[in-house]
Amino acid sequence: MIGWVQASLYEAIDCLARSGQNHLASDLGRLLASLELDDMDILRSPVSERVANALLEARTFPDLVDLLKEFAQAIGVTHCTLHVIRETPTSSFSTRALTTYSEEWVSRYVDRRYTSVDPVYRHSLTCEDAFFWEDLDISNPAVRAFCQDARAHGVGPAGYTLPIITERGDRIAISVSAADDREGLRDTIHHYESDLLSVGFSLTEAFSLLASDERPTSFTPTDDQLSILRAVAMGTNEAELRARNYLYGSYITLERSICSLFRTKTVAQAAVVAAQVGLLTNSPITKADILVGSQRTPAFRIDPQSSASAVRRMIRMRNVGPRERESEPAGA
């Protein structure tokens, strides 16, 4: 990360030697050899260094955005953005992005659900290394239309994204963008790459402290809460959930309690968290899961006639009992 220091010092040594200042070149060479470069944390731009330090002292989101603008101006890019790409089940981000983009573009991006076609976002989901936007595949017509719309609103087409994995495992992307000068942006990144990485780490740390909260790693929902979470995961709409009868409380009360338990804003978000931690796949049996015998014939019941044994055999073949092998060896 500190490669620019070494490169600058070697260039200075070369200049001194070519100008006849061999003794100074020798002195500087000895100093360079004695430096522990891995222990140094010096940014190339003094403004970048000030921003990196100020980020760790920021206490509000507007403070972070102001520092993003200052950093963008310092390294000569148009915009700088932080975007939460993926969070761990134990993370809870109250805000998912910080950006210097215009409010008009942000509203348009959300209203048109551009996340589904944004090539930068989609690539950031899986990539491990930083990348330039021009290297992305935009052959899809919907993706091309998105890129043209973004360009019309001052975003790109030149851009660079740096993925950062936090200590907890959250994936956060730091992006900078400029207008049409792709080669100019490559030169900028080459010159300020270490600054972007250092500021990116400070920004991610500051953002995580302000925007995220630790979720517990285990949850104990009630039967009512669990039934709602499972229903939401299966696509049940809110009207149906409101119409159901619950053991304790109304849907409104249960909705609030679920959001409080999982530290989310919506029940849908809570259902996602529940699925991530395996609560829906390994959930305990609730009373609603147990059918008690009755005199009434259930709907869609199979009427046991002469074909009942065939049905039982079919069911037997589809299932594996305790201690049974999935397949019997030939000739068994």
C-alpha atoms as a PDB file:
ATOM      1  CA  MET A   1       0.000   0.000   0.000  1.00  0.00           C
ATOM      2  CA  ILE A   2       2.958   2.280   0.537  1.00  0.00           C
ATOM      3  CA  GLY A   3       4.553   1.535  -2.866  1.00  0.00           C
ATOM      4  CA  TRP A   4       4.323   5.151  -3.971  1.00  0.00           C
ATOM      5  CA  VAL A   5       6.804   6.166  -1.236  1.00  0.00           C
ATOM      6  CA  GLN A   6       9.380   3.669  -2.434  1.00  0.00           C
ATOM      7  CA  ALA A   7       8.846   4.639  -6.077  1.00  0.00           C
ATOM      8  CA  SER A   8       9.176   8.356  -5.297  1.00  0.00           C
ATOM      9  CA  LEU A   9      12.367   7.860  -3.294  1.00  0.00           C
ATOM     10  CA  TYR A  10      13.953   5.728  -6.016  1.00  0.00           C
ATOM     11  CA  GLU A  11      13.089   8.401  -8.567  1.00  0.00           C
ATOM     12  CA  ALA A  12      14.625  11.069  -6.326  1.00  0.00           C
ATOM     13  CA  ILE A  13      17.797   8.976  -5.940  1.00  0.00           C
ATOM     14  CA  ASP A  14      18.010   8.585  -9.718  1.00  0.00           C
ATOM     15  CA  CYS A  15      17.573  12.338 -10.267  1.00  0.00           C
ATOM     16  CA  LEU A  16      20.287  13.138  -7.728  1.00  0.00           C
ATOM     17  CA  ALA A  17      22.687  10.660  -9.309  1.00  0.00           C
ATOM     18  CA  ARG A  18      22.094  12.024 -12.820  1.00  0.00           C
ATOM     19  CA  SER A  19      22.673  15.576 -11.597  1.00  0.00           C
ATOM     20  CA  GLY A  20      26.005  14.631 -10.064  1.00  0.00           C
ATOM     21  CA  GLN A  21      24.841  14.677  -6.428  1.00  0.00           C
ATOM     22  CA  ASN A  22      26.160  11.177  -5.811  1.00  0.00           C
ATOM     23  CA  HIS A  23      26.747  11.665  -2.105  1.00  0.00           C
ATOM     24  CA  LEU A  24      23.141  12.775  -1.573  1.00  0.00           C
ATOM     25  CA  ALA A  25      21.920   9.900  -3.730  1.00  0.00           C
ATOM     26  CA  SER A  26      23.965   7.493  -1.622  1.00  0.00           C
ATOM     27  CA  ASP A  27      22.660   8.961   1.634  1.00  0.00           C
ATOM     28  CA  LEU A  28      19.070   8.745   0.445  1.00  0.00           C
ATOM     29  CA  GLY A  29      19.633   5.171  -0.712  1.00  0.00           C
ATOM     30  CA  ARG A  30      20.892   4.175   2.731  1.00  0.00           C
ATOM     31  CA  LEU A  31      17.908   5.868   4.368  1.00  0.00           C
ATOM     32  CA  LEU A  32      15.532   4.051   2.025  1.00  0.00           C
ATOM     33  CA  ALA A  33      17.148   0.704   2.829  1.00  0.00           C
ATOM     34  CA  SER A  34      16.665   1.304   6.559  1.00  0.00           C
ATOM     35  CA  LEU A  35      12.976   2.232   6.323  1.00  0.00           C
ATOM     36  CA  GLU A  36      10.294  -0.223   7.424  1.00  0.00           C
ATOM     37  CA  LEU A  37       7.855   0.616   4.647  1.00  0.00           C
ATOM     38  CA  ASP A  38       5.257  -1.888   5.823  1.00  0.00           C
ATOM     39  CA  ASP A  39       4.916   0.029   9.090  1.00  0.00           C
ATOM     40  CA  MET A  40       4.361   3.374   7.362  1.00  0.00           C
ATOM     41  CA  ASP A  41       0.916   4.828   6.717  1.00  0.00           C
ATOM     42  CA  ILE A  42       1.511   7.974   4.702  1.00  0.00           C
ATOM     43  CA  LEU A  43      -1.011   9.011   2.068  1.00  0.00           C
ATOM     44  CA  ARG A  44       0.065  10.627  -1.163  1.00  0.00           C
ATOM     45  CA  SER A  45      -2.302  13.575  -0.882  1.00  0.00           C
ATOM     46  CA  PRO A  46      -2.214  15.648   2.321  1.00  0.00           C
ATOM     47  CA  VAL A  47      -5.953  16.206   1.875  1.00  0.00           C
ATOM     48  CA  SER A  48      -6.530  12.446   1.670  1.00  0.00           C
ATOM     49  CA  GLU A  49      -4.628  11.976   4.909  1.00  0.00           C
ATOM     50  CA  ARG A  50      -6.665  14.663   6.637  1.00  0.00           C
ATOM     51  CA  VAL A  51      -9.912  13.142   5.326  1.00  0.00           C
ATOM     52  CA  ALA A  52      -8.900   9.638   6.473  1.00  0.00           C
ATOM     53  CA  ASN A  53      -8.258  10.945   9.988  1.00  0.00           C
ATOM     54  CA  ALA A  54     -11.411  13.091  10.058  1.00  0.00           C
ATOM     55  CA  LEU A  55     -13.577  10.140   9.003  1.00  0.00           C
ATOM     56  CA  LEU A  56     -12.718   8.334  12.221  1.00  0.00           C
ATOM     57  CA  GLU A  57     -13.955  11.327  14.218  1.00  0.00           C
ATOM     58  CA  ALA A  58     -17.173  11.885  12.236  1.00  0.00           C
ATOM     59  CA  ARG A  59     -20.375  11.583  14.243  1.00  0.00           C
ATOM     60  CA  THR A  60     -23.103  12.069  11.611  1.00  0.00           C
ATOM     61  CA  PHE A  61     -23.864  10.903   8.079  1.00  0.00           C
ATOM     62  CA  PRO A  62     -23.736  14.477   6.670  1.00  0.00           C
ATOM     63  CA  ASP A  63     -20.195  14.698   8.055  1.00  0.00           C
ATOM     64  CA  LEU A  64     -19.258  11.558   6.134  1.00  0.00           C
ATOM     65  CA  VAL A  65     -20.797  12.840   2.892  1.00  0.00           C
ATOM     66  CA  ASP A  66     -18.956  16.178   3.216  1.00  0.00           C
ATOM     67  CA  LEU A  67     -15.691  14.299   3.658  1.00  0.00           C
ATOM     68  CA  LEU A  68     -16.501  12.141   0.622  1.00  0.00           C
ATOM     69  CA  LYS A  69     -16.906  15.298  -1.458  1.00  0.00           C
ATOM     70  CA  GLU A  70     -13.631  16.689  -0.156  1.00  0.00           C
ATOM     71  CA  PHE A  71     -11.796  13.470  -0.970  1.00  0.00           C
ATOM     72  CA  ALA A  72     -13.306  13.322  -4.478  1.00  0.00           C
ATOM     73  CA  GLN A  73     -12.116  16.855  -5.188  1.00  0.00           C
ATOM     74  CA  ALA A  74      -8.660  16.103  -3.769  1.00  0.00           C
ATOM     75  CA  ILE A  75      -7.972  13.196  -6.140  1.00  0.00           C
ATOM     76  CA  GLY A  76      -9.792  14.716  -9.115  1.00  0.00           C
ATOM     77  CA  VAL A  77     -12.883  12.519  -9.515  1.00  0.00           C
ATOM     78  CA  THR A  78     -16.505  13.597  -9.906  1.00  0.00           C
ATOM     79  CA  HIS A  79     -18.236  11.332  -7.405  1.00  0.00           C
ATOM     80  CA  CYS A  80     -17.482   8.972  -4.540  1.00  0.00           C
ATOM     81  CA  THR A  81     -19.922   6.392  -3.161  1.00  0.00           C
ATOM     82  CA  LEU A  82     -20.109   3.778  -0.418  1.00  0.00           C
ATOM     83  CA  HIS A  83     -22.621   0.968  -0.919  1.00  0.00           C
ATOM     84  CA  VAL A  84     -23.453  -1.977   1.333  1.00  0.00           C
ATOM     85  CA  ILE A  85     -23.440  -4.928  -1.050  1.00  0.00           C
ATOM     86  CA  ARG A  86     -24.113  -7.756   1.373  1.00  0.00           C
ATOM     87  CA  GLU A  87     -24.414  -7.927   5.147  1.00  0.00           C
ATOM     88  CA  THR A  88     -23.949 -10.857   7.475  1.00  0.00           C
ATOM     89  CA  PRO A  89     -26.926 -12.294   9.387  1.00  0.00           C
ATOM     90  CA  THR A  90     -25.632 -10.643  12.565  1.00  0.00           C
ATOM     91  CA  SER A  91     -25.349  -7.164  10.991  1.00  0.00           C
ATOM     92  CA  SER A  92     -28.117  -4.584  10.853  1.00  0.00           C
ATOM     93  CA  PHE A  93     -27.456  -1.496   8.703  1.00  0.00           C
ATOM     94  CA  SER A  94     -29.861   1.405   9.175  1.00  0.00           C
ATOM     95  CA  THR A  95     -28.413   3.088   6.071  1.00  0.00           C
ATOM     96  CA  ARG A  96     -27.104   1.193   3.068  1.00  0.00           C
ATOM     97  CA  ALA A  97     -25.350   3.841   0.992  1.00  0.00           C
ATOM     98  CA  LEU A  98     -23.535   7.175   1.126  1.00  0.00           C
ATOM     99  CA  THR A  99     -22.990   9.113  -2.070  1.00  0.00           C
ATOM    100  CA  THR A 100     -22.191  12.448  -3.672  1.00  0.00           C
ATOM    101  CA  TYR A 101     -24.638  11.711  -6.526  1.00  0.00           C
ATOM    102  CA  SER A 102     -27.482  14.152  -7.125  1.00  0.00           C
ATOM    103  CA  GLU A 103     -30.788  13.557  -5.342  1.00  0.00           C
ATOM    104  CA  GLU A 104     -32.467  13.356  -8.744  1.00  0.00           C
ATOM    105  CA  TRP A 105     -30.309  10.397  -9.773  1.00  0.00           C
ATOM    106  CA  VAL A 106     -30.689   8.642  -6.426  1.00  0.00           C
ATOM    107  CA  SER A 107     -34.501   8.910  -6.629  1.00  0.00           C
ATOM    108  CA  ARG A 108     -34.476   7.710 -10.226  1.00  0.00           C
ATOM    109  CA  TYR A 109     -32.205   4.781  -9.345  1.00  0.00           C
ATOM    110  CA  VAL A 110     -34.525   3.649  -6.548  1.00  0.00           C
ATOM    111  CA  ASP A 111     -37.815   4.270  -8.380  1.00  0.00           C
ATOM    112  CA  ARG A 112     -36.700   2.318 -11.439  1.00  0.00           C
ATOM    113  CA  ARG A 113     -35.201  -0.486  -9.340  1.00  0.00           C
ATOM    114  CA  TYR A 114     -31.902  -0.177 -11.147  1.00  0.00           C
ATOM    115  CA  THR A 115     -30.209  -2.496  -8.647  1.00  0.00           C
ATOM    116  CA  SER A 116     -31.339  -5.438 -10.775  1.00  0.00           C
ATOM    117  CA  VAL A 117     -29.452  -4.186 -13.861  1.00  0.00           C
ATOM    118  CA  ASP A 118     -26.640  -2.092 -12.367  1.00  0.00           C
ATOM    119  CA  PRO A 119     -23.504  -3.924 -13.621  1.00  0.00           C
ATOM    120  CA  VAL A 120     -21.298  -2.398 -10.920  1.00  0.00           C
ATOM    121  CA  TYR A 121     -23.571  -3.623  -8.134  1.00  0.00           C
ATOM    122  CA  ARG A 122     -24.033  -7.062  -9.694  1.00  0.00           C
ATOM    123  CA  HIS A 123     -20.287  -7.553 -10.194  1.00  0.00           C
ATOM    124  CA  SER A 124     -19.545  -6.365  -6.654  1.00  0.00           C
ATOM    125  CA  LEU A 125     -21.633  -9.213  -5.234  1.00  0.00           C
ATOM    126  CA  THR A 126     -18.989 -11.800  -6.066  1.00  0.00           C
ATOM    127  CA  CYS A 127     -15.752 -10.078  -7.071  1.00  0.00           C
ATOM    128  CA  GLU A 128     -12.729 -10.112  -4.781  1.00  0.00           C
ATOM    129  CA  ASP A 129     -10.576  -7.540  -6.593  1.00  0.00           C
ATOM    130  CA  ALA A 130     -11.001  -3.897  -7.544  1.00  0.00           C
ATOM    131  CA  PHE A 131     -12.218  -3.251 -11.095  1.00  0.00           C
ATOM    132  CA  PHE A 132     -12.737  -0.506 -13.669  1.00  0.00           C
ATOM    133  CA  TRP A 133     -16.284  -0.062 -14.928  1.00  0.00           C
ATOM    134  CA  GLU A 134     -15.200  -0.140 -18.575  1.00  0.00           C
ATOM    135  CA  ASP A 135     -14.157  -3.777 -18.126  1.00  0.00           C
ATOM    136  CA  LEU A 136     -17.716  -4.862 -17.279  1.00  0.00           C
ATOM    137  CA  ASP A 137     -20.019  -6.582 -19.754  1.00  0.00           C
ATOM    138  CA  ILE A 138     -22.798  -4.184 -20.792  1.00  0.00           C
ATOM    139  CA  SER A 139     -23.964  -6.063 -23.895  1.00  0.00           C
ATOM    140  CA  ASN A 140     -27.414  -6.648 -22.395  1.00  0.00           C
ATOM    141  CA  PRO A 141     -29.850  -4.000 -23.752  1.00  0.00           C
ATOM    142  CA  ALA A 142     -31.299  -3.293 -20.287  1.00  0.00           C
ATOM    143  CA  VAL A 143     -27.808  -2.793 -18.849  1.00  0.00           C
ATOM    144  CA  ARG A 144     -26.845  -0.537 -21.766  1.00  0.00           C
ATOM    145  CA  ALA A 145     -29.962   1.563 -21.221  1.00  0.00           C
ATOM    146  CA  PHE A 146     -29.105   1.904 -17.538  1.00  0.00           C
ATOM    147  CA  CYS A 147     -25.544   3.029 -18.323  1.00  0.00           C
ATOM    148  CA  GLN A 148     -26.825   5.615 -20.799  1.00  0.00           C
ATOM    149  CA  ASP A 149     -29.288   6.932 -18.231  1.00  0.00           C
ATOM    150  CA  ALA A 150     -26.558   7.100 -15.583  1.00  0.00           C
ATOM    151  CA  ARG A 151     -24.289   8.990 -17.950  1.00  0.00           C
ATOM    152  CA  ALA A 152     -27.067  11.466 -18.722  1.00  0.00           C
ATOM    153  CA  HIS A 153     -27.279  12.187 -14.985  1.00  0.00           C
ATOM    154  CA  GLY A 154     -23.546  12.720 -14.525  1.00  0.00           C
ATOM    155  CA  VAL A 155     -22.578   9.234 -13.355  1.00  0.00           C
ATOM    156  CA  GLY A 156     -19.752   7.604 -15.301  1.00  0.00           C
ATOM    157  CA  PRO A 157     -19.030   6.129 -17.713  1.00  0.00           C
ATOM    158  CA  ALA A 158     -15.500   6.068 -16.265  1.00  0.00           C
ATOM    159  CA  GLY A 159     -15.449   4.456 -12.838  1.00  0.00           C
ATOM    160  CA  TYR A 160     -13.514   2.300 -10.393  1.00  0.00           C
ATOM    161  CA  THR A 161     -14.846   0.135  -7.559  1.00  0.00           C
ATOM    162  CA  LEU A 162     -12.957  -1.229  -4.582  1.00  0.00           C
ATOM    163  CA  PRO A 163     -14.668  -4.059  -2.631  1.00  0.00           C
ATOM    164  CA  ILE A 164     -13.926  -4.202   1.099  1.00  0.00           C
ATOM    165  CA  ILE A 165     -14.827  -7.053   3.443  1.00  0.00           C
ATOM    166  CA  THR A 166     -15.306  -5.866   7.016  1.00  0.00           C
ATOM    167  CA  GLU A 167     -14.112  -7.721  10.092  1.00  0.00           C
ATOM    168  CA  ARG A 168     -17.633  -9.099  10.576  1.00  0.00           C
ATOM    169  CA  GLY A 169     -17.801 -10.261   6.968  1.00  0.00           C
ATOM    170  CA  ASP A 170     -20.008  -7.502   5.520  1.00  0.00           C
ATOM    171  CA  ARG A 171     -19.214  -6.688   1.877  1.00  0.00           C
ATOM    172  CA  ILE A 172     -19.000  -2.952   1.161  1.00  0.00           C
ATOM    173  CA  ALA A 173     -18.049  -1.306  -2.152  1.00  0.00           C
ATOM    174  CA  ILE A 174     -16.254   2.035  -2.465  1.00  0.00           C
ATOM    175  CA  SER A 175     -16.643   3.575  -5.932  1.00  0.00           C
ATOM    176  CA  VAL A 176     -15.267   6.674  -7.622  1.00  0.00           C
ATOM    177  CA  SER A 177     -16.406   7.889 -11.017  1.00  0.00           C
ATOM    178  CA  ALA A 178     -15.616  10.534 -13.588  1.00  0.00           C
ATOM    179  CA  ALA A 179     -16.880  11.646 -16.980  1.00  0.00           C
ATOM    180  CA  ASP A 180     -15.607  10.345 -20.327  1.00  0.00           C
ATOM    181  CA  ASP A 181     -11.868  10.385 -19.581  1.00  0.00           C
ATOM    182  CA  ARG A 182     -11.287   6.682 -18.921  1.00  0.00           C
ATOM    183  CA  GLU A 183      -7.517   6.919 -19.386  1.00  0.00           C
ATOM    184  CA  GLY A 184      -7.434   9.931 -17.094  1.00  0.00           C
ATOM    185  CA  LEU A 185      -9.222   7.962 -14.380  1.00  0.00           C
ATOM    186  CA  ARG A 186      -6.787   5.066 -14.776  1.00  0.00           C
ATOM    187  CA  ASP A 187      -3.905   7.502 -14.262  1.00  0.00           C
ATOM    188  CA  THR A 188      -5.668   8.946 -11.209  1.00  0.00           C
ATOM    189  CA  ILE A 189      -6.189   5.513  -9.664  1.00  0.00           C
ATOM    190  CA  HIS A 190      -2.601   4.518 -10.404  1.00  0.00           C
ATOM    191  CA  HIS A 191      -1.425   7.697  -8.651  1.00  0.00           C
ATOM    192  CA  TYR A 192      -3.835   7.607  -5.686  1.00  0.00           C
ATOM    193  CA  GLU A 193      -4.585   3.902  -5.272  1.00  0.00           C
ATOM    194  CA  SER A 194      -3.046   3.723  -1.792  1.00  0.00           C
ATOM    195  CA  ASP A 195      -5.006   6.836  -0.771  1.00  0.00           C
ATOM    196  CA  LEU A 196      -8.268   5.292  -1.970  1.00  0.00           C
ATOM    197  CA  LEU A 197      -7.581   2.114  -0.018  1.00  0.00           C
ATOM    198  CA  SER A 198      -6.713   3.954   3.209  1.00  0.00           C
ATOM    199  CA  VAL A 199      -9.663   6.328   2.938  1.00  0.00           C
ATOM    200  CA  GLY A 200     -11.871   3.353   2.021  1.00  0.00           C
ATOM    201  CA  PHE A 201     -10.881   1.528   5.208  1.00  0.00           C
ATOM    202  CA  SER A 202     -11.495   4.630   7.349  1.00  0.00           C
ATOM    203  CA  LEU A 203     -14.811   5.318   5.614  1.00  0.00           C
ATOM    204  CA  THR A 204     -15.986   1.724   6.057  1.00  0.00           C
ATOM    205  CA  GLU A 205     -15.043   1.786   9.731  1.00  0.00           C
ATOM    206  CA  ALA A 206     -16.788   5.115  10.364  1.00  0.00           C
ATOM    207  CA  PHE A 207     -19.878   4.098   8.388  1.00  0.00           C
ATOM    208  CA  SER A 208     -20.172   0.755  10.186  1.00  0.00           C
ATOM    209  CA  LEU A 209     -20.022   2.463  13.581  1.00  0.00           C
ATOM    210  CA  LEU A 210     -22.781   4.907  12.622  1.00  0.00           C
ATOM    211  CA  ALA A 211     -25.023   2.753  10.446  1.00  0.00           C
ATOM    212  CA  SER A 212     -24.853  -0.770  11.806  1.00  0.00           C
ATOM    213  CA  ASP A 213     -25.763  -2.576  14.950  1.00  0.00           C
ATOM    214  CA  GLU A 214     -24.860  -6.051  16.100  1.00  0.00           C
ATOM    215  CA  ARG A 215     -27.708  -8.530  15.873  1.00  0.00           C
ATOM    216  CA  PRO A 216     -27.786 -11.521  18.185  1.00  0.00           C
ATOM    217  CA  THR A 217     -26.744 -14.771  16.552  1.00  0.00           C
ATOM    218  CA  SER A 218     -29.699 -16.746  17.888  1.00  0.00           C
ATOM    219  CA  PHE A 219     -33.393 -15.936  18.142  1.00  0.00           C
ATOM    220  CA  THR A 220     -36.321 -17.480  20.013  1.00  0.00           C
ATOM    221  CA  PRO A 221     -39.502 -16.332  18.260  1.00  0.00           C
ATOM    222  CA  THR A 222     -42.920 -17.311  19.577  1.00  0.00           C
ATOM    223  CA  ASP A 223     -45.178 -19.663  17.637  1.00  0.00           C
ATOM    224  CA  ASP A 224     -47.124 -16.678  16.280  1.00  0.00           C
ATOM    225  CA  GLN A 225     -43.976 -14.834  15.222  1.00  0.00           C
ATOM    226  CA  LEU A 226     -42.555 -17.944  13.585  1.00  0.00           C
ATOM    227  CA  SER A 227     -45.762 -18.630  11.670  1.00  0.00           C
ATOM    228  CA  ILE A 228     -45.709 -15.074  10.284  1.00  0.00           C
ATOM    229  CA  LEU A 229     -42.057 -15.330   9.267  1.00  0.00           C
ATOM    230  CA  ARG A 230     -42.654 -18.616   7.497  1.00  0.00           C
ATOM    231  CA  ALA A 231     -45.740 -17.226   5.754  1.00  0.00           C
ATOM    232  CA  VAL A 232     -43.831 -14.148   4.553  1.00  0.00           C
ATOM    233  CA  ALA A 233     -41.032 -16.371   3.262  1.00  0.00           C
ATOM    234  CA  MET A 234     -43.637 -18.322   1.271  1.00  0.00           C
ATOM    235  CA  GLY A 235     -45.035 -15.127  -0.286  1.00  0.00           C
ATOM    236  CA  THR A 236     -48.163 -14.539   1.805  1.00  0.00           C
ATOM    237  CA  ASN A 237     -49.318 -10.934   1.452  1.00  0.00           C
ATOM    238  CA  GLU A 238     -50.045  -8.562   4.325  1.00  0.00           C
ATOM    239  CA  ALA A 239     -53.825  -8.657   3.852  1.00  0.00           C
ATOM    240  CA  GLU A 240     -53.871 -12.416   4.407  1.00  0.00           C
ATOM    241  CA  LEU A 241     -51.614 -12.112   7.445  1.00  0.00           C
ATOM    242  CA  ARG A 242     -53.906  -9.496   9.001  1.00  0.00           C
ATOM    243  CA  ALA A 243     -56.929 -11.733   8.490  1.00  0.00           C
ATOM    244  CA  ARG A 244     -55.422 -14.685  10.342  1.00  0.00           C
ATOM    245  CA  ASN A 245     -56.114 -15.577  13.957  1.00  0.00           C
ATOM    246  CA  TYR A 246     -53.162 -15.653  16.341  1.00  0.00           C
ATOM    247  CA  LEU A 247     -52.731 -17.113  19.801  1.00  0.00           C
ATOM    248  CA  TYR A 248     -51.503 -13.886  21.375  1.00  0.00           C
ATOM    249  CA  GLY A 249     -52.053 -10.412  19.990  1.00  0.00           C
ATOM    250  CA  SER A 250     -52.959  -8.951  16.620  1.00  0.00           C
ATOM    251  CA  TYR A 251     -50.845  -8.921  13.475  1.00  0.00           C
ATOM    252  CA  ILE A 252     -49.886  -5.277  14.115  1.00  0.00           C
ATOM    253  CA  THR A 253     -48.566  -6.133  17.577  1.00  0.00           C
ATOM    254  CA  LEU A 254     -46.722  -9.191  16.293  1.00  0.00           C
ATOM    255  CA  GLU A 255     -45.257  -7.214  13.406  1.00  0.00           C
ATOM    256  CA  ARG A 256     -43.725  -4.716  15.829  1.00  0.00           C
ATOM    257  CA  SER A 257     -42.401  -7.457  18.087  1.00  0.00           C
ATOM    258  CA  ILE A 258     -40.797  -9.298  15.145  1.00  0.00           C
ATOM    259  CA  CYS A 259     -39.015  -6.154  13.941  1.00  0.00           C
ATOM    260  CA  SER A 260     -37.842  -5.487  17.486  1.00  0.00           C
ATOM    261  CA  LEU A 261     -36.578  -9.050  17.931  1.00  0.00           C
ATOM    262  CA  PHE A 262     -34.654  -9.143  14.651  1.00  0.00           C
ATOM    263  CA  ARG A 263     -33.711  -5.431  14.684  1.00  0.00           C
ATOM    264  CA  THR A 264     -35.124  -4.765  11.240  1.00  0.00           C
ATOM    265  CA  LYS A 265     -37.468  -2.190   9.771  1.00  0.00           C
ATOM    266  CA  THR A 266     -39.865  -4.636   8.107  1.00  0.00           C
ATOM    267  CA  VAL A 267     -41.128  -8.178   8.612  1.00  0.00           C
ATOM    268  CA  ALA A 268     -39.779  -9.077   5.164  1.00  0.00           C
ATOM    269  CA  GLN A 269     -36.273  -8.116   6.289  1.00  0.00           C
ATOM    270  CA  ALA A 270     -36.764 -10.176   9.442  1.00  0.00           C
ATOM    271  CA  ALA A 271     -37.795 -13.167   7.322  1.00  0.00           C
ATOM    272  CA  VAL A 272     -34.582 -12.818   5.314  1.00  0.00           C
ATOM    273  CA  VAL A 273     -32.515 -12.793   8.519  1.00  0.00           C
ATOM    274  CA  ALA A 274     -34.458 -15.778   9.852  1.00  0.00           C
ATOM    275  CA  ALA A 275     -33.725 -17.685   6.652  1.00  0.00           C
ATOM    276  CA  GLN A 276     -30.038 -16.728   6.763  1.00  0.00           C
ATOM    277  CA  VAL A 277     -29.565 -18.111  10.263  1.00  0.00           C
ATOM    278  CA  GLY A 278     -31.458 -21.303   9.404  1.00  0.00           C
ATOM    279  CA  LEU A 279     -34.438 -20.511  11.597  1.00  0.00           C
ATOM    280  CA  LEU A 280     -37.008 -21.269   8.906  1.00  0.00           C
ATOM    281  CA  THR A 281     -35.422 -24.504   7.713  1.00  0.00           C
ATOM    282  CA  ASN A 282     -34.685 -25.814  11.202  1.00  0.00           C
ATOM    283  CA  SER A 283     -37.626 -24.281  13.009  1.00  0.00           C
ATOM    284  CA  PRO A 284     -39.321 -26.177  15.831  1.00  0.00           C
ATOM    285  CA  ILE A 285     -42.798 -27.614  15.395  1.00  0.00           C
ATOM    286  CA  THR A 286     -45.635 -25.247  16.221  1.00  0.00           C
ATOM    287  CA  LYS A 287     -49.206 -26.180  17.082  1.00  0.00           C
ATOM    288  CA  ALA A 288     -50.274 -25.212  13.588  1.00  0.00           C
ATOM    289  CA  ASP A 289     -47.992 -27.940  12.211  1.00  0.00           C
ATOM    290  CA  ILE A 290     -49.799 -30.735  14.108  1.00  0.00           C
ATOM    291  CA  LEU A 291     -53.067 -32.162  12.790  1.00  0.00           C
ATOM    292  CA  VAL A 292     -55.387 -33.726  15.335  1.00  0.00           C
ATOM    293  CA  GLY A 293     -57.861 -36.442  14.246  1.00  0.00           C
ATOM    294  CA  SER A 294     -61.401 -35.302  13.606  1.00  0.00           C
ATOM    295  CA  GLN A 295     -64.709 -36.631  12.280  1.00  0.00           C
ATOM    296  CA  ARG A 296     -64.517 -34.356   9.239  1.00  0.00           C
ATOM    297  CA  THR A 297     -62.856 -35.495   6.028  1.00  0.00           C
ATOM    298  CA  PRO A 298     -59.991 -33.099   5.235  1.00  0.00           C
ATOM    299  CA  ALA A 299     -59.910 -31.398   1.853  1.00  0.00           C
ATOM    300  CA  PHE A 300     -57.758 -33.082  -0.821  1.00  0.00           C
ATOM    301  CA  ARG A 301     -57.732 -36.300   1.159  1.00  0.00           C
ATOM    302  CA  ILE A 302     -56.687 -39.461  -0.702  1.00  0.00           C
ATOM    303  CA  ASP A 303     -59.547 -41.925  -0.491  1.00  0.00           C
ATOM    304  CA  PRO A 304     -58.002 -45.312   0.417  1.00  0.00           C
ATOM    305  CA  GLN A 305     -59.257 -47.794  -2.153  1.00  0.00           C
ATOM    306  CA  SER A 306     -57.588 -50.659  -3.938  1.00  0.00           C
ATOM    307  CA  SER A 307     -54.753 -48.344  -5.050  1.00  0.00           C
ATOM    308  CA  ALA A 308     -53.806 -47.447  -1.470  1.00  0.00           C
ATOM    309  CA  SER A 309     -51.007 -49.998  -1.289  1.00  0.00           C
ATOM    310  CA  ALA A 310     -49.518 -48.620  -4.505  1.00  0.00           C
ATOM    311  CA  VAL A 311     -49.626 -45.110  -3.078  1.00  0.00           C
ATOM    312  CA  ARG A 312     -47.923 -46.319   0.096  1.00  0.00           C
ATOM    313  CA  ARG A 313     -45.196 -47.994  -1.920  1.00  0.00           C
ATOM    314  CA  MET A 314     -44.641 -44.802  -3.887  1.00  0.00           C
ATOM    315  CA  ILE A 315     -44.421 -42.780  -0.682  1.00  0.00           C
ATOM    316  CA  ARG A 316     -42.073 -45.364   0.801  1.00  0.00           C
ATOM    317  CA  MET A 317     -39.764 -45.104  -2.196  1.00  0.00           C
ATOM    318  CA  ARG A 318     -39.614 -41.319  -1.959  1.00  0.00           C
ATOM    319  CA  ASN A 319     -38.618 -41.232   1.694  1.00  0.00           C
ATOM    320  CA  VAL A 320     -35.831 -42.640   3.843  1.00  0.00           C
ATOM    321  CA  GLY A 321     -36.530 -43.821   7.377  1.00  0.00           C
ATOM    322  CA  PRO A 322     -34.212 -43.703  10.388  1.00  0.00           C
ATOM    323  CA  ARG A 323     -30.960 -45.644   9.861  1.00  0.00           C
ATOM    324  CA  GLU A 324     -31.980 -46.603   6.349  1.00  0.00           C
ATOM    325  CA  ARG A 325     -29.526 -46.385   3.515  1.00  0.00           C
ATOM    326  CA  GLU A 326     -30.556 -44.278   0.554  1.00  0.00           C
ATOM    327  CA  SER A 327     -29.757 -47.100  -1.826  1.00  0.00           C
ATOM    328  CA  GLU A 328     -29.434 -50.835  -1.336  1.00  0.00           C
ATOM    329  CA  PRO A 329     -26.468 -52.592  -2.922  1.00  0.00           C
ATOM    330  CA  ALA A 330     -27.230 -54.717  -5.959  1.00  0.00           C
ATOM    331  CA  GLY A 331     -28.319 -58.232  -5.070  1.00  0.00           C
ATOM    332  CA  ALA A 332     -29.385 -57.265  -1.536  1.00  0.00           C
END
